[in-house]
Amino acid sequence: MEQKKFKAYLYRIAGNVCMDWFRKNSVQFAGEELLATIQKEDSELKRVELSDEILRALKVLSPAQKDVIILHFFYGFKLREIADITNVPMSTVKSRLKQGMDKLKAYMERSG
């Protein structure tokens, strides 16, 4: 198995195991914990302010859109890898990314 496919396969397994654990233990992951961790590790004021704004903006997204946005922009995954990780067609990933970006853009325009 080539390295990129194996990496996506491994992330899918890890994601499924995590989701199973969260479901079993009645825990919901909303992405805020990830951004809060990033925020704590970064001491630059501009970065913290930007992280706060991103956190607020991510709340307007559906969980599926948020997953795609975080995997693509925060972790640098390619769309094909995200499709493999989330076990959805590439067209669905593209759609979620587009819709999520449109929502984020509208949010940013409203919030100034």
Protein backbone atom coordinates (compact mmCIF):
# COMPACT_ATOMS: atom_id res chain seq x y z
CA MET A 1 0.00 0.00 0.00
CA GLU A 2 1.50 3.34 -0.94
CA GLN A 3 2.22 5.84 1.82
CA LYS A 4 -0.57 8.35 1.05
CA LYS A 5 -3.24 5.65 0.90
CA PHE A 6 -1.93 4.07 4.08
CA LYS A 7 -1.95 7.44 5.84
CA ALA A 8 -5.57 8.06 4.84
CA TYR A 9 -6.48 4.48 5.83
CA LEU A 10 -4.80 4.91 9.21
CA TYR A 11 -6.59 8.23 9.83
CA ARG A 12 -9.91 6.62 8.93
CA ILE A 13 -9.32 3.83 11.44
CA ALA A 14 -8.21 6.28 14.13
CA GLY A 15 -11.19 8.53 13.41
CA ASN A 16 -13.62 5.63 13.59
CA VAL A 17 -12.12 4.41 16.86
CA CYS A 18 -12.35 7.92 18.32
CA MET A 19 -15.93 8.41 17.15
CA ASP A 20 -16.89 5.00 18.58
CA TRP A 21 -15.33 5.98 21.92
CA PHE A 22 -17.09 9.37 21.91
CA ARG A 23 -20.43 7.72 21.11
CA LYS A 24 -19.91 5.02 23.74
CA ASN A 25 -19.02 7.60 26.38
CA SER A 26 -21.64 10.14 25.29
CA VAL A 27 -19.04 12.77 24.41
CA GLN A 28 -19.53 15.14 21.51
CA PHE A 29 -16.53 16.69 19.74
CA ALA A 30 -17.29 20.07 18.27
CA GLY A 31 -13.81 21.22 17.29
CA GLU A 32 -13.69 23.94 19.93
CA GLU A 33 -11.24 21.90 22.02
CA LEU A 34 -8.82 21.74 19.10
CA LEU A 35 -8.89 25.48 18.57
CA ALA A 36 -8.64 26.13 22.31
CA THR A 37 -5.48 24.00 22.42
CA ILE A 38 -4.01 25.85 19.45
CA GLN A 39 -4.91 29.12 21.12
CA LYS A 40 -3.16 28.20 24.40
CA GLU A 41 0.03 27.15 22.62
CA ASP A 42 0.34 30.38 20.67
CA SER A 43 1.39 33.42 22.67
CA GLU A 44 1.15 36.04 19.93
CA LEU A 45 -1.80 38.38 20.48
CA LYS A 46 -2.75 38.57 16.81
CA ARG A 47 -2.81 34.80 16.56
CA VAL A 48 -5.03 34.53 19.64
CA GLU A 49 -7.44 37.13 18.26
CA LEU A 50 -7.53 35.34 14.92
CA SER A 51 -8.11 31.99 16.65
CA ASP A 52 -11.01 33.49 18.61
CA GLU A 53 -12.55 34.77 15.39
CA ILE A 54 -12.05 31.43 13.67
CA LEU A 55 -13.62 29.63 16.63
CA ARG A 56 -16.68 31.88 16.45
CA ALA A 57 -16.86 31.47 12.68
CA LEU A 58 -16.60 27.66 12.84
CA LYS A 59 -19.71 27.55 15.02
CA VAL A 60 -21.85 28.51 11.99
CA LEU A 61 -20.82 25.32 10.14
CA SER A 62 -22.45 21.93 10.24
CA PRO A 63 -20.29 19.19 11.83
CA ALA A 64 -19.59 17.68 8.39
CA GLN A 65 -18.51 21.05 6.95
CA LYS A 66 -16.41 21.75 10.04
CA ASP A 67 -14.63 18.39 9.69
CA VAL A 68 -13.69 19.09 6.07
CA ILE A 69 -12.54 22.65 6.79
CA ILE A 70 -10.41 21.57 9.78
CA LEU A 71 -8.88 18.58 7.99
CA HIS A 72 -8.08 20.65 4.90
CA PHE A 73 -6.91 23.97 6.33
CA PHE A 74 -5.61 23.05 9.80
CA TYR A 75 -4.10 19.66 9.00
CA GLY A 76 -3.31 20.18 5.32
CA PHE A 77 -5.06 17.10 3.93
CA LYS A 78 -5.86 16.96 0.24
CA LEU A 79 -9.51 16.55 -0.74
CA ARG A 80 -8.93 12.95 -1.88
CA GLU A 81 -7.41 12.12 1.52
CA ILE A 82 -10.37 13.73 3.29
CA ALA A 83 -12.75 11.65 1.17
CA ASP A 84 -10.87 8.51 2.21
CA ILE A 85 -10.76 9.52 5.89
CA THR A 86 -14.43 10.47 6.10
CA ASN A 87 -15.55 7.63 3.82
CA VAL A 88 -17.61 9.88 1.54
CA PRO A 89 -17.31 10.56 -2.21
CA MET A 90 -14.90 13.25 -3.39
CA SER A 91 -17.86 15.26 -4.73
CA THR A 92 -19.36 15.34 -1.22
CA VAL A 93 -16.09 16.62 0.24
CA LYS A 94 -15.92 19.35 -2.44
CA SER A 95 -19.53 20.30 -1.77
CA ARG A 96 -19.00 20.48 2.00
CA LEU A 97 -15.86 22.56 1.51
CA LYS A 98 -17.61 24.99 -0.86
CA GLN A 99 -20.71 25.32 1.32
CA GLY A 100 -18.58 25.71 4.45
CA MET A 101 -16.41 28.38 2.84
CA ASP A 102 -19.53 30.23 1.65
CA LYS A 103 -20.93 30.20 5.20
CA LEU A 104 -17.61 31.39 6.64
CA LYS A 105 -17.41 34.18 4.06
CA ALA A 106 -20.96 35.33 4.85
CA TYR A 107 -20.21 35.22 8.58
CA MET A 108 -17.04 37.27 8.14
CA GLU A 109 -18.85 39.85 6.02
CA ARG A 110 -21.59 40.20 8.65
CA SER A 111 -19.19 40.45 11.57
CA GLY A 112 -17.10 43.09 9.87
